[in-house]
Amino acid sequence: MKKFAANLVSIILIPLIAPSYLFWIILFYFPQLTRIVSLTDKLLAILYIFMATTFLPFLIVFILYKRKVITDLTLHRQQDRVIPQIFSCVIYVGICLFLVFTEGATNALSLSMIAIAVSVIGLTLITPFWKISTHACGAWGIFAIVFDLQSRYHEPAFTVLYYIILFLTVSVCAARLYLKVHTPMQVIAGSIMGGLVGFLLFHYCLVPYHLA
């Protein structure tokens, strides 16, 4: 039962879904930070970001697995992570450039992708030498961003979800340790990287849409 719960929370907070989570939170709970207003446009934005940042990287991983470039779809092996992460870097940087060009660099959606791209680039540079936790990095990156947003704008409707995200963030770190896929230092390092990048970018760079 514990192993099932650990695997489940690892799937819920798989790093590839982080951009979709952040877009959903910003568009539906902090709409003042973006110019996307209609429900249709919000859903399309989430769909587009999911296809580009989750489905496409997973497809690349699947192809690499089928061609025996990597040995496992879960990327537990340190060596298997480098090539997929390089592809993710290229995809995420491309999306960042598109969002900065269309929405501006200080827009919440742009900053979400910039934070994720910077984190992924950092992870990619570290991974050949050390198996830093991508789950911890992604989870604490998300929480750091929502912490800054909730502290600054305090949306009552977001309060319950805020604490659920905090619970899942702590849980996924415990899960990675329980499954023995990371050491405590690898989880701590990933947590610090994701948390610092997300918080610093949003705290010092974010400008509400109506003020931009």
N, C-alpha and C. Protein backbone atom coordinates (compact mmCIF):
# COMPACT_ATOMS: atom_id res chain seq x y z
N MET A 1 0.83 -1.21 0.00
CA MET A 1 0.00 0.00 0.00
C MET A 1 0.87 1.27 0.00
N LYS A 2 1.94 1.26 0.82
CA LYS A 2 2.82 2.42 0.87
C LYS A 2 3.53 2.63 -0.46
N LYS A 3 3.95 1.52 -1.08
CA LYS A 3 4.64 1.63 -2.37
C LYS A 3 3.69 2.16 -3.44
N PHE A 4 2.44 1.70 -3.39
CA PHE A 4 1.43 2.18 -4.34
C PHE A 4 1.21 3.67 -4.17
N ALA A 5 1.09 4.13 -2.92
CA ALA A 5 0.88 5.56 -2.65
C ALA A 5 2.09 6.38 -3.12
N ALA A 6 3.29 5.85 -2.89
CA ALA A 6 4.51 6.55 -3.30
C ALA A 6 4.57 6.68 -4.82
N ASN A 7 4.23 5.61 -5.52
CA ASN A 7 4.22 5.65 -6.99
C ASN A 7 3.12 6.58 -7.50
N LEU A 8 1.97 6.56 -6.84
CA LEU A 8 0.85 7.41 -7.26
C LEU A 8 1.19 8.88 -7.17
N VAL A 9 1.74 9.30 -6.04
CA VAL A 9 2.08 10.72 -5.87
C VAL A 9 3.22 11.11 -6.80
N SER A 10 4.10 10.17 -7.14
CA SER A 10 5.17 10.45 -8.09
C SER A 10 4.60 10.68 -9.48
N ILE A 11 3.53 9.96 -9.82
CA ILE A 11 2.88 10.15 -11.12
C ILE A 11 2.12 11.47 -11.15
N ILE A 12 1.41 11.79 -10.05
CA ILE A 12 0.64 13.04 -9.99
C ILE A 12 1.53 14.24 -10.17
N LEU A 13 2.73 14.19 -9.58
CA LEU A 13 3.66 15.32 -9.66
C LEU A 13 4.84 15.01 -10.58
N ILE A 14 4.61 14.24 -11.63
CA ILE A 14 5.66 14.00 -12.61
C ILE A 14 6.06 15.36 -13.21
N PRO A 15 7.34 15.66 -13.29
CA PRO A 15 7.78 17.01 -13.69
C PRO A 15 7.22 17.49 -15.03
N LEU A 16 6.97 16.59 -15.96
CA LEU A 16 6.48 17.00 -17.27
C LEU A 16 5.11 17.68 -17.21
N ILE A 17 4.35 17.45 -16.14
CA ILE A 17 3.01 18.05 -16.04
C ILE A 17 3.05 19.41 -15.36
N ALA A 18 4.19 19.80 -14.82
CA ALA A 18 4.30 21.06 -14.07
C ALA A 18 3.81 22.28 -14.86
N PRO A 19 4.20 22.45 -16.14
CA PRO A 19 3.70 23.62 -16.88
C PRO A 19 2.18 23.66 -16.98
N SER A 20 1.56 22.51 -17.21
CA SER A 20 0.09 22.46 -17.32
C SER A 20 -0.57 22.84 -16.00
N TYR A 21 -0.04 22.34 -14.89
CA TYR A 21 -0.56 22.70 -13.57
C TYR A 21 -0.48 24.21 -13.35
N LEU A 22 0.69 24.79 -13.65
CA LEU A 22 0.88 26.22 -13.41
C LEU A 22 -0.04 27.06 -14.29
N PHE A 23 -0.19 26.70 -15.56
CA PHE A 23 -1.08 27.44 -16.45
C PHE A 23 -2.50 27.37 -15.92
N TRP A 24 -2.94 26.20 -15.49
CA TRP A 24 -4.29 26.03 -14.96
C TRP A 24 -4.51 26.89 -13.72
N ILE A 25 -3.56 26.88 -12.80
CA ILE A 25 -3.68 27.67 -11.57
C ILE A 25 -3.74 29.17 -11.89
N ILE A 26 -2.84 29.63 -12.74
CA ILE A 26 -2.79 31.06 -13.07
C ILE A 26 -4.04 31.50 -13.81
N LEU A 27 -4.45 30.74 -14.80
CA LEU A 27 -5.59 31.14 -15.63
C LEU A 27 -6.91 31.13 -14.88
N PHE A 28 -7.07 30.19 -13.93
CA PHE A 28 -8.36 30.06 -13.27
C PHE A 28 -8.41 30.67 -11.86
N TYR A 29 -7.27 30.83 -11.21
CA TYR A 29 -7.28 31.39 -9.86
C TYR A 29 -6.67 32.78 -9.78
N PHE A 30 -5.82 33.14 -10.74
CA PHE A 30 -5.19 34.45 -10.75
C PHE A 30 -5.32 35.09 -12.14
N PRO A 31 -6.57 35.27 -12.59
CA PRO A 31 -6.80 35.76 -13.95
C PRO A 31 -6.30 37.18 -14.20
N GLN A 32 -6.08 37.95 -13.13
CA GLN A 32 -5.59 39.32 -13.28
C GLN A 32 -4.16 39.37 -13.80
N LEU A 33 -3.51 38.22 -13.83
CA LEU A 33 -2.11 38.17 -14.25
C LEU A 33 -1.94 37.84 -15.73
N THR A 34 -3.03 37.70 -16.44
CA THR A 34 -2.96 37.36 -17.85
C THR A 34 -4.10 38.02 -18.62
N ARG A 35 -3.92 38.17 -19.92
CA ARG A 35 -4.96 38.78 -20.74
C ARG A 35 -5.93 37.75 -21.32
N ILE A 36 -5.72 36.47 -21.03
CA ILE A 36 -6.61 35.42 -21.52
C ILE A 36 -7.85 35.39 -20.63
N VAL A 37 -8.99 35.68 -21.22
CA VAL A 37 -10.21 35.89 -20.43
C VAL A 37 -11.24 34.78 -20.61
N SER A 38 -11.57 34.43 -21.84
CA SER A 38 -12.66 33.49 -22.09
C SER A 38 -12.29 32.07 -21.67
N LEU A 39 -13.31 31.30 -21.29
CA LEU A 39 -13.09 29.92 -20.86
C LEU A 39 -12.47 29.09 -21.99
N THR A 40 -12.95 29.31 -23.19
CA THR A 40 -12.43 28.55 -24.34
C THR A 40 -10.94 28.81 -24.53
N ASP A 41 -10.55 30.08 -24.47
CA ASP A 41 -9.14 30.43 -24.65
C ASP A 41 -8.28 29.86 -23.53
N LYS A 42 -8.80 29.85 -22.31
CA LYS A 42 -8.05 29.28 -21.19
C LYS A 42 -7.83 27.78 -21.38
N LEU A 43 -8.89 27.08 -21.76
CA LEU A 43 -8.77 25.64 -21.97
C LEU A 43 -7.84 25.32 -23.13
N LEU A 44 -7.90 26.13 -24.18
CA LEU A 44 -7.00 25.93 -25.32
C LEU A 44 -5.55 26.16 -24.93
N ALA A 45 -5.31 27.19 -24.11
CA ALA A 45 -3.95 27.49 -23.67
C ALA A 45 -3.39 26.31 -22.86
N ILE A 46 -4.22 25.74 -21.99
CA ILE A 46 -3.78 24.60 -21.19
C ILE A 46 -3.54 23.39 -22.09
N LEU A 47 -4.42 23.19 -23.07
CA LEU A 47 -4.25 22.07 -24.00
C LEU A 47 -2.96 22.21 -24.80
N TYR A 48 -2.71 23.41 -25.32
CA TYR A 48 -1.50 23.64 -26.10
C TYR A 48 -0.24 23.40 -25.27
N ILE A 49 -0.25 23.92 -24.05
CA ILE A 49 0.95 23.77 -23.21
C ILE A 49 1.12 22.31 -22.79
N PHE A 50 0.02 21.59 -22.60
CA PHE A 50 0.11 20.17 -22.26
C PHE A 50 0.70 19.38 -23.44
N MET A 51 0.23 19.66 -24.63
CA MET A 51 0.73 18.95 -25.81
C MET A 51 2.22 19.23 -26.03
N ALA A 52 2.63 20.48 -25.82
CA ALA A 52 4.01 20.88 -26.11
C ALA A 52 4.98 20.46 -25.01
N THR A 53 4.55 20.53 -23.75
CA THR A 53 5.49 20.31 -22.64
C THR A 53 5.34 18.96 -21.95
N THR A 54 4.25 18.26 -22.21
CA THR A 54 4.04 16.95 -21.59
C THR A 54 3.99 15.84 -22.64
N PHE A 55 3.07 15.96 -23.58
CA PHE A 55 2.90 14.89 -24.57
C PHE A 55 4.11 14.76 -25.48
N LEU A 56 4.62 15.89 -26.01
CA LEU A 56 5.75 15.83 -26.94
C LEU A 56 7.01 15.27 -26.28
N PRO A 57 7.41 15.76 -25.08
CA PRO A 57 8.58 15.15 -24.43
C PRO A 57 8.39 13.66 -24.12
N PHE A 58 7.15 13.29 -23.69
CA PHE A 58 6.90 11.87 -23.43
C PHE A 58 7.01 11.05 -24.71
N LEU A 59 6.52 11.60 -25.81
CA LEU A 59 6.63 10.91 -27.09
C LEU A 59 8.10 10.69 -27.46
N ILE A 60 8.92 11.70 -27.21
CA ILE A 60 10.35 11.59 -27.48
C ILE A 60 10.97 10.49 -26.61
N VAL A 61 10.59 10.45 -25.33
CA VAL A 61 11.09 9.40 -24.43
C VAL A 61 10.68 8.03 -24.94
N PHE A 62 9.43 7.91 -25.38
CA PHE A 62 8.92 6.63 -25.88
C PHE A 62 9.70 6.18 -27.12
N ILE A 63 9.97 7.12 -28.02
CA ILE A 63 10.73 6.80 -29.24
C ILE A 63 12.16 6.38 -28.87
N LEU A 64 12.77 7.11 -27.96
CA LEU A 64 14.12 6.75 -27.52
C LEU A 64 14.14 5.36 -26.88
N TYR A 65 13.09 5.05 -26.13
CA TYR A 65 12.99 3.72 -25.51
C TYR A 65 12.84 2.63 -26.56
N LYS A 66 11.98 2.87 -27.53
CA LYS A 66 11.76 1.89 -28.59
C LYS A 66 13.01 1.67 -29.43
N ARG A 67 13.80 2.71 -29.61
CA ARG A 67 15.04 2.61 -30.37
C ARG A 67 16.22 2.17 -29.50
N LYS A 68 15.90 1.82 -28.23
CA LYS A 68 16.88 1.31 -27.27
C LYS A 68 18.01 2.30 -26.96
N VAL A 69 17.70 3.60 -27.11
CA VAL A 69 18.65 4.62 -26.70
C VAL A 69 18.65 4.75 -25.18
N ILE A 70 17.46 4.55 -24.58
CA ILE A 70 17.33 4.50 -23.12
C ILE A 70 16.73 3.16 -22.74
N THR A 71 16.91 2.76 -21.50
CA THR A 71 16.51 1.41 -21.10
C THR A 71 15.17 1.35 -20.36
N ASP A 72 14.65 2.51 -19.94
CA ASP A 72 13.47 2.49 -19.08
C ASP A 72 12.65 3.76 -19.30
N LEU A 73 11.33 3.61 -19.44
CA LEU A 73 10.46 4.77 -19.63
C LEU A 73 10.40 5.66 -18.39
N THR A 74 10.67 5.10 -17.23
CA THR A 74 10.59 5.90 -16.00
C THR A 74 11.84 6.76 -15.77
N LEU A 75 12.89 6.50 -16.55
CA LEU A 75 14.13 7.27 -16.45
C LEU A 75 14.75 7.21 -15.06
N HIS A 76 14.65 6.06 -14.42
CA HIS A 76 15.26 5.91 -13.10
C HIS A 76 16.79 5.95 -13.19
N ARG A 77 17.34 5.41 -14.29
CA ARG A 77 18.78 5.40 -14.44
C ARG A 77 19.31 6.80 -14.78
N GLN A 78 20.35 7.20 -14.10
CA GLN A 78 20.94 8.52 -14.32
C GLN A 78 21.33 8.73 -15.77
N GLN A 79 21.89 7.70 -16.40
CA GLN A 79 22.35 7.81 -17.78
C GLN A 79 21.20 8.01 -18.77
N ASP A 80 20.02 7.50 -18.42
CA ASP A 80 18.87 7.60 -19.32
C ASP A 80 18.26 9.00 -19.35
N ARG A 81 18.60 9.83 -18.39
CA ARG A 81 17.93 11.12 -18.24
C ARG A 81 18.49 12.22 -19.14
N VAL A 82 19.76 12.10 -19.52
CA VAL A 82 20.44 13.22 -20.17
C VAL A 82 19.82 13.59 -21.51
N ILE A 83 19.67 12.62 -22.41
CA ILE A 83 19.15 12.92 -23.76
C ILE A 83 17.71 13.45 -23.71
N PRO A 84 16.79 12.80 -22.97
CA PRO A 84 15.44 13.37 -22.87
C PRO A 84 15.43 14.79 -22.29
N GLN A 85 16.31 15.05 -21.31
CA GLN A 85 16.36 16.39 -20.73
C GLN A 85 16.87 17.41 -21.73
N ILE A 86 17.80 17.03 -22.58
CA ILE A 86 18.29 17.95 -23.62
C ILE A 86 17.15 18.31 -24.58
N PHE A 87 16.37 17.30 -24.99
CA PHE A 87 15.22 17.57 -25.84
C PHE A 87 14.23 18.50 -25.13
N SER A 88 14.00 18.26 -23.84
CA SER A 88 13.08 19.10 -23.08
C SER A 88 13.59 20.54 -23.01
N CYS A 89 14.89 20.70 -22.85
CA CYS A 89 15.47 22.05 -22.82
C CYS A 89 15.16 22.80 -24.11
N VAL A 90 15.36 22.13 -25.23
CA VAL A 90 15.10 22.76 -26.53
C VAL A 90 13.64 23.15 -26.67
N ILE A 91 12.75 22.24 -26.29
CA ILE A 91 11.30 22.51 -26.38
C ILE A 91 10.91 23.65 -25.46
N TYR A 92 11.36 23.62 -24.21
CA TYR A 92 10.96 24.63 -23.23
C TYR A 92 11.52 26.00 -23.57
N VAL A 93 12.76 26.06 -24.03
CA VAL A 93 13.33 27.34 -24.43
C VAL A 93 12.56 27.92 -25.61
N GLY A 94 12.18 27.08 -26.56
CA GLY A 94 11.38 27.54 -27.68
C GLY A 94 10.05 28.12 -27.25
N ILE A 95 9.38 27.45 -26.29
CA ILE A 95 8.10 27.95 -25.77
C ILE A 95 8.31 29.25 -25.01
N CYS A 96 9.40 29.34 -24.26
CA CYS A 96 9.71 30.59 -23.54
C CYS A 96 9.84 31.76 -24.51
N LEU A 97 10.58 31.55 -25.59
CA LEU A 97 10.78 32.62 -26.57
C LEU A 97 9.46 33.03 -27.20
N PHE A 98 8.60 32.06 -27.48
CA PHE A 98 7.29 32.36 -28.06
C PHE A 98 6.43 33.18 -27.08
N LEU A 99 6.40 32.77 -25.81
CA LEU A 99 5.59 33.47 -24.82
C LEU A 99 6.12 34.86 -24.53
N VAL A 100 7.43 35.01 -24.46
CA VAL A 100 8.03 36.32 -24.23
C VAL A 100 7.70 37.26 -25.38
N PHE A 101 7.73 36.74 -26.60
CA PHE A 101 7.43 37.54 -27.78
C PHE A 101 5.96 37.94 -27.83
N THR A 102 5.06 37.03 -27.43
CA THR A 102 3.62 37.29 -27.54
C THR A 102 3.02 37.91 -26.28
N GLU A 103 3.53 37.53 -25.09
CA GLU A 103 2.92 37.96 -23.83
C GLU A 103 3.79 38.93 -23.04
N GLY A 104 5.09 38.98 -23.34
CA GLY A 104 6.01 39.80 -22.56
C GLY A 104 6.75 38.97 -21.53
N ALA A 105 7.92 39.42 -21.13
CA ALA A 105 8.78 38.65 -20.23
C ALA A 105 8.29 38.64 -18.79
N THR A 106 7.48 39.63 -18.41
CA THR A 106 7.04 39.72 -17.01
C THR A 106 5.64 39.16 -16.80
N ASN A 107 5.06 38.54 -17.83
CA ASN A 107 3.76 37.91 -17.72
C ASN A 107 3.87 36.62 -16.92
N ALA A 108 2.83 36.29 -16.15
CA ALA A 108 2.88 35.11 -15.29
C ALA A 108 3.08 33.82 -16.07
N LEU A 109 2.42 33.71 -17.23
CA LEU A 109 2.57 32.50 -18.04
C LEU A 109 3.99 32.38 -18.58
N SER A 110 4.54 33.52 -19.03
CA SER A 110 5.93 33.51 -19.52
C SER A 110 6.90 33.13 -18.41
N LEU A 111 6.71 33.73 -17.23
CA LEU A 111 7.60 33.45 -16.11
C LEU A 111 7.51 31.99 -15.66
N SER A 112 6.32 31.40 -15.78
CA SER A 112 6.18 29.99 -15.43
C SER A 112 7.09 29.13 -16.29
N MET A 113 7.04 29.40 -17.61
CA MET A 113 7.87 28.61 -18.52
C MET A 113 9.35 28.95 -18.37
N ILE A 114 9.66 30.21 -18.10
CA ILE A 114 11.07 30.58 -17.89
C ILE A 114 11.61 29.86 -16.66
N ALA A 115 10.83 29.83 -15.58
CA ALA A 115 11.26 29.15 -14.36
C ALA A 115 11.50 27.66 -14.62
N ILE A 116 10.58 27.06 -15.36
CA ILE A 116 10.72 25.63 -15.66
C ILE A 116 11.92 25.39 -16.58
N ALA A 117 12.09 26.22 -17.59
CA ALA A 117 13.21 26.06 -18.52
C ALA A 117 14.54 26.22 -17.81
N VAL A 118 14.65 27.23 -16.95
CA VAL A 118 15.89 27.44 -16.20
C VAL A 118 16.18 26.23 -15.31
N SER A 119 15.14 25.71 -14.66
CA SER A 119 15.32 24.54 -13.79
C SER A 119 15.76 23.32 -14.60
N VAL A 120 15.11 23.10 -15.74
CA VAL A 120 15.45 21.94 -16.57
C VAL A 120 16.87 22.05 -17.11
N ILE A 121 17.28 23.25 -17.50
CA ILE A 121 18.65 23.44 -17.97
C ILE A 121 19.64 23.13 -16.84
N GLY A 122 19.33 23.61 -15.62
CA GLY A 122 20.18 23.32 -14.47
C GLY A 122 20.25 21.83 -14.19
N LEU A 123 19.11 21.15 -14.25
CA LEU A 123 19.07 19.72 -14.02
C LEU A 123 19.88 18.97 -15.08
N THR A 124 19.75 19.43 -16.33
CA THR A 124 20.47 18.78 -17.43
C THR A 124 21.98 18.91 -17.28
N LEU A 125 22.42 20.05 -16.78
CA LEU A 125 23.85 20.26 -16.59
C LEU A 125 24.39 19.43 -15.43
N ILE A 126 23.56 19.20 -14.41
CA ILE A 126 23.99 18.47 -13.22
C ILE A 126 23.91 16.95 -13.41
N THR A 127 22.87 16.49 -14.13
CA THR A 127 22.56 15.06 -14.22
C THR A 127 23.72 14.17 -14.66
N PRO A 128 24.56 14.56 -15.64
CA PRO A 128 25.67 13.66 -16.01
C PRO A 128 26.62 13.36 -14.86
N PHE A 129 26.63 14.21 -13.84
CA PHE A 129 27.56 14.05 -12.73
C PHE A 129 26.88 13.58 -11.45
N TRP A 130 25.56 13.83 -11.34
CA TRP A 130 24.87 13.54 -10.09
C TRP A 130 23.38 13.41 -10.37
N LYS A 131 22.72 12.44 -9.76
CA LYS A 131 21.30 12.17 -10.02
C LYS A 131 20.41 13.04 -9.12
N ILE A 132 20.37 14.32 -9.40
CA ILE A 132 19.55 15.24 -8.64
C ILE A 132 18.07 14.94 -8.90
N SER A 133 17.22 15.19 -7.92
CA SER A 133 15.79 14.83 -8.03
C SER A 133 15.00 15.83 -8.86
N THR A 134 14.52 15.39 -10.02
CA THR A 134 13.68 16.25 -10.86
C THR A 134 12.28 16.39 -10.25
N HIS A 135 11.79 15.34 -9.57
CA HIS A 135 10.48 15.43 -8.93
C HIS A 135 10.48 16.52 -7.85
N ALA A 136 11.52 16.52 -7.02
CA ALA A 136 11.60 17.51 -5.95
C ALA A 136 11.73 18.91 -6.53
N CYS A 137 12.54 19.04 -7.58
CA CYS A 137 12.72 20.33 -8.22
C CYS A 137 11.41 20.86 -8.78
N GLY A 138 10.68 20.02 -9.51
CA GLY A 138 9.41 20.44 -10.09
C GLY A 138 8.36 20.76 -9.05
N ALA A 139 8.26 19.90 -8.03
CA ALA A 139 7.23 20.08 -7.00
C ALA A 139 7.46 21.35 -6.20
N TRP A 140 8.70 21.57 -5.74
CA TRP A 140 8.96 22.77 -4.95
C TRP A 140 8.97 24.02 -5.82
N GLY A 141 9.26 23.85 -7.12
CA GLY A 141 9.14 24.99 -8.03
C GLY A 141 7.70 25.45 -8.13
N ILE A 142 6.77 24.49 -8.29
CA ILE A 142 5.35 24.83 -8.34
C ILE A 142 4.91 25.49 -7.04
N PHE A 143 5.29 24.87 -5.91
CA PHE A 143 4.83 25.42 -4.63
C PHE A 143 5.40 26.81 -4.38
N ALA A 144 6.66 27.03 -4.73
CA ALA A 144 7.27 28.36 -4.52
C ALA A 144 6.51 29.42 -5.30
N ILE A 145 6.09 29.08 -6.51
CA ILE A 145 5.35 30.03 -7.34
C ILE A 145 3.98 30.31 -6.74
N VAL A 146 3.25 29.25 -6.36
CA VAL A 146 1.91 29.48 -5.81
C VAL A 146 2.00 30.14 -4.43
N PHE A 147 3.07 29.87 -3.69
CA PHE A 147 3.28 30.56 -2.41
C PHE A 147 3.39 32.06 -2.62
N ASP A 148 4.19 32.45 -3.61
CA ASP A 148 4.35 33.88 -3.88
C ASP A 148 3.04 34.50 -4.36
N LEU A 149 2.33 33.80 -5.24
CA LEU A 149 1.06 34.32 -5.77
C LEU A 149 0.02 34.44 -4.66
N GLN A 150 -0.12 33.41 -3.84
CA GLN A 150 -1.13 33.43 -2.78
C GLN A 150 -0.78 34.46 -1.71
N SER A 151 0.50 34.62 -1.40
CA SER A 151 0.92 35.61 -0.42
C SER A 151 0.64 37.03 -0.92
N ARG A 152 0.81 37.22 -2.22
CA ARG A 152 0.66 38.56 -2.78
C ARG A 152 -0.80 38.92 -3.06
N TYR A 153 -1.59 37.98 -3.56
CA TYR A 153 -2.95 38.30 -4.00
C TYR A 153 -4.04 37.66 -3.13
N HIS A 154 -3.71 36.66 -2.36
CA HIS A 154 -4.62 35.97 -1.44
C HIS A 154 -6.01 35.75 -2.05
N GLU A 155 -6.08 34.71 -2.85
CA GLU A 155 -7.36 34.30 -3.44
C GLU A 155 -8.01 33.26 -2.52
N PRO A 156 -9.13 33.60 -1.85
CA PRO A 156 -9.78 32.65 -0.93
C PRO A 156 -10.14 31.32 -1.60
N ALA A 157 -10.55 31.38 -2.86
CA ALA A 157 -10.96 30.16 -3.55
C ALA A 157 -9.79 29.20 -3.77
N PHE A 158 -8.57 29.71 -3.66
CA PHE A 158 -7.39 28.91 -3.91
C PHE A 158 -6.82 28.28 -2.63
N THR A 159 -7.34 28.66 -1.47
CA THR A 159 -6.75 28.27 -0.20
C THR A 159 -6.66 26.76 -0.02
N VAL A 160 -7.76 26.04 -0.27
CA VAL A 160 -7.77 24.58 -0.08
C VAL A 160 -6.76 23.93 -1.03
N LEU A 161 -6.79 24.33 -2.29
CA LEU A 161 -5.87 23.77 -3.27
C LEU A 161 -4.42 24.08 -2.89
N TYR A 162 -4.19 25.24 -2.33
CA TYR A 162 -2.85 25.65 -1.91
C TYR A 162 -2.27 24.65 -0.90
N TYR A 163 -3.07 24.27 0.07
CA TYR A 163 -2.59 23.33 1.09
C TYR A 163 -2.49 21.91 0.54
N ILE A 164 -3.33 21.58 -0.43
CA ILE A 164 -3.21 20.28 -1.10
C ILE A 164 -1.88 20.20 -1.85
N ILE A 165 -1.53 21.29 -2.53
CA ILE A 165 -0.25 21.34 -3.27
C ILE A 165 0.92 21.21 -2.30
N LEU A 166 0.84 21.88 -1.16
CA LEU A 166 1.90 21.78 -0.16
C LEU A 166 2.03 20.34 0.34
N PHE A 167 0.90 19.70 0.62
CA PHE A 167 0.91 18.31 1.08
C PHE A 167 1.54 17.39 0.04
N LEU A 168 1.14 17.56 -1.22
CA LEU A 168 1.68 16.72 -2.30
C LEU A 168 3.16 16.98 -2.51
N THR A 169 3.58 18.23 -2.34
CA THR A 169 4.99 18.57 -2.52
C THR A 169 5.86 17.85 -1.50
N VAL A 170 5.45 17.90 -0.24
CA VAL A 170 6.18 17.19 0.81
C VAL A 170 6.10 15.69 0.58
N SER A 171 4.92 15.22 0.17
CA SER A 171 4.70 13.78 -0.02
C SER A 171 5.58 13.21 -1.13
N VAL A 172 5.74 13.97 -2.24
CA VAL A 172 6.52 13.42 -3.35
C VAL A 172 7.99 13.32 -2.98
N CYS A 173 8.47 14.23 -2.16
CA CYS A 173 9.86 14.13 -1.68
C CYS A 173 10.04 12.88 -0.82
N ALA A 174 9.07 12.65 0.07
CA ALA A 174 9.11 11.45 0.91
C ALA A 174 8.99 10.19 0.05
N ALA A 175 8.17 10.27 -1.00
CA ALA A 175 7.97 9.12 -1.88
C ALA A 175 9.24 8.74 -2.61
N ARG A 176 9.98 9.75 -3.10
CA ARG A 176 11.22 9.46 -3.82
C ARG A 176 12.25 8.80 -2.90
N LEU A 177 12.22 9.18 -1.64
CA LEU A 177 13.12 8.56 -0.67
C LEU A 177 12.64 7.14 -0.33
N TYR A 178 11.34 6.98 -0.16
CA TYR A 178 10.79 5.67 0.17
C TYR A 178 11.06 4.66 -0.95
N LEU A 179 10.94 5.11 -2.20
CA LEU A 179 11.18 4.23 -3.35
C LEU A 179 12.67 4.01 -3.60
N LYS A 180 13.50 4.74 -2.86
CA LYS A 180 14.96 4.61 -2.94
C LYS A 180 15.51 4.93 -4.34
N VAL A 181 14.88 5.90 -5.00
CA VAL A 181 15.40 6.33 -6.30
C VAL A 181 16.30 7.55 -6.13
N HIS A 182 16.30 8.15 -4.92
CA HIS A 182 17.17 9.29 -4.63
C HIS A 182 17.64 9.23 -3.19
N THR A 183 18.76 9.87 -2.95
CA THR A 183 19.26 10.05 -1.59
C THR A 183 18.66 11.33 -1.01
N PRO A 184 18.72 11.50 0.32
CA PRO A 184 18.22 12.76 0.91
C PRO A 184 18.87 14.00 0.30
N MET A 185 20.17 13.97 0.06
CA MET A 185 20.85 15.14 -0.50
C MET A 185 20.37 15.45 -1.91
N GLN A 186 20.07 14.43 -2.71
CA GLN A 186 19.57 14.65 -4.07
C GLN A 186 18.19 15.29 -4.04
N VAL A 187 17.36 14.87 -3.09
CA VAL A 187 16.03 15.46 -2.94
C VAL A 187 16.13 16.89 -2.43
N ILE A 188 16.99 17.12 -1.45
CA ILE A 188 17.17 18.47 -0.90
C ILE A 188 17.69 19.43 -1.97
N ALA A 189 18.67 18.97 -2.75
CA ALA A 189 19.24 19.82 -3.79
C ALA A 189 18.20 20.17 -4.85
N GLY A 190 17.41 19.19 -5.27
CA GLY A 190 16.35 19.47 -6.24
C GLY A 190 15.32 20.43 -5.69
N SER A 191 14.97 20.25 -4.41
CA SER A 191 13.99 21.13 -3.77
C SER A 191 14.49 22.57 -3.73
N ILE A 192 15.75 22.75 -3.35
CA ILE A 192 16.31 24.10 -3.27
C ILE A 192 16.37 24.76 -4.64
N MET A 193 16.81 24.00 -5.64
CA MET A 193 16.89 24.56 -6.99
C MET A 193 15.52 25.01 -7.49
N GLY A 194 14.54 24.12 -7.45
CA GLY A 194 13.21 24.46 -7.94
C GLY A 194 12.58 25.58 -7.16
N GLY A 195 12.69 25.52 -5.84
CA GLY A 195 12.08 26.54 -5.00
C GLY A 195 12.68 27.92 -5.21
N LEU A 196 13.99 27.99 -5.28
CA LEU A 196 14.65 29.29 -5.46
C LEU A 196 14.34 29.90 -6.82
N VAL A 197 14.43 29.10 -7.87
CA VAL A 197 14.18 29.62 -9.23
C VAL A 197 12.75 30.14 -9.34
N GLY A 198 11.78 29.33 -8.89
CA GLY A 198 10.38 29.74 -8.99
C GLY A 198 10.07 30.97 -8.17
N PHE A 199 10.51 30.99 -6.92
CA PHE A 199 10.19 32.12 -6.05
C PHE A 199 10.86 33.40 -6.51
N LEU A 200 12.15 33.35 -6.81
CA LEU A 200 12.88 34.57 -7.19
C LEU A 200 12.34 35.19 -8.47
N LEU A 201 12.03 34.36 -9.46
CA LEU A 201 11.50 34.90 -10.72
C LEU A 201 10.16 35.58 -10.51
N PHE A 202 9.25 34.93 -9.77
CA PHE A 202 7.92 35.50 -9.58
C PHE A 202 7.95 36.67 -8.61
N HIS A 203 8.76 36.58 -7.58
CA HIS A 203 8.77 37.63 -6.57
C HIS A 203 9.36 38.94 -7.10
N TYR A 204 10.36 38.83 -7.97
CA TYR A 204 11.06 40.04 -8.42
C TYR A 204 10.74 40.45 -9.87
N CYS A 205 10.17 39.56 -10.65
CA CYS A 205 9.94 39.87 -12.07
C CYS A 205 8.49 39.99 -12.48
N LEU A 206 7.56 39.41 -11.69
CA LEU A 206 6.17 39.40 -12.10
C LEU A 206 5.53 40.78 -12.07
N VAL A 207 4.84 41.11 -13.17
CA VAL A 207 4.07 42.35 -13.26
C VAL A 207 2.66 41.97 -13.70
N PRO A 208 1.60 42.33 -12.93
CA PRO A 208 0.21 42.03 -13.34
C PRO A 208 -0.05 42.58 -14.73
N TYR A 209 -0.91 41.88 -15.47
CA TYR A 209 -1.15 42.23 -16.86
C TYR A 209 -1.59 43.69 -17.03
N HIS A 210 -2.47 44.15 -16.14
CA HIS A 210 -3.01 45.51 -16.32
C HIS A 210 -1.98 46.60 -16.03
N LEU A 211 -0.84 46.21 -15.41
CA LEU A 211 0.22 47.19 -15.14
C LEU A 211 1.38 47.08 -16.12
N ALA A 212 1.40 46.00 -16.89
CA ALA A 212 2.52 45.75 -17.81
C ALA A 212 2.51 46.74 -18.97
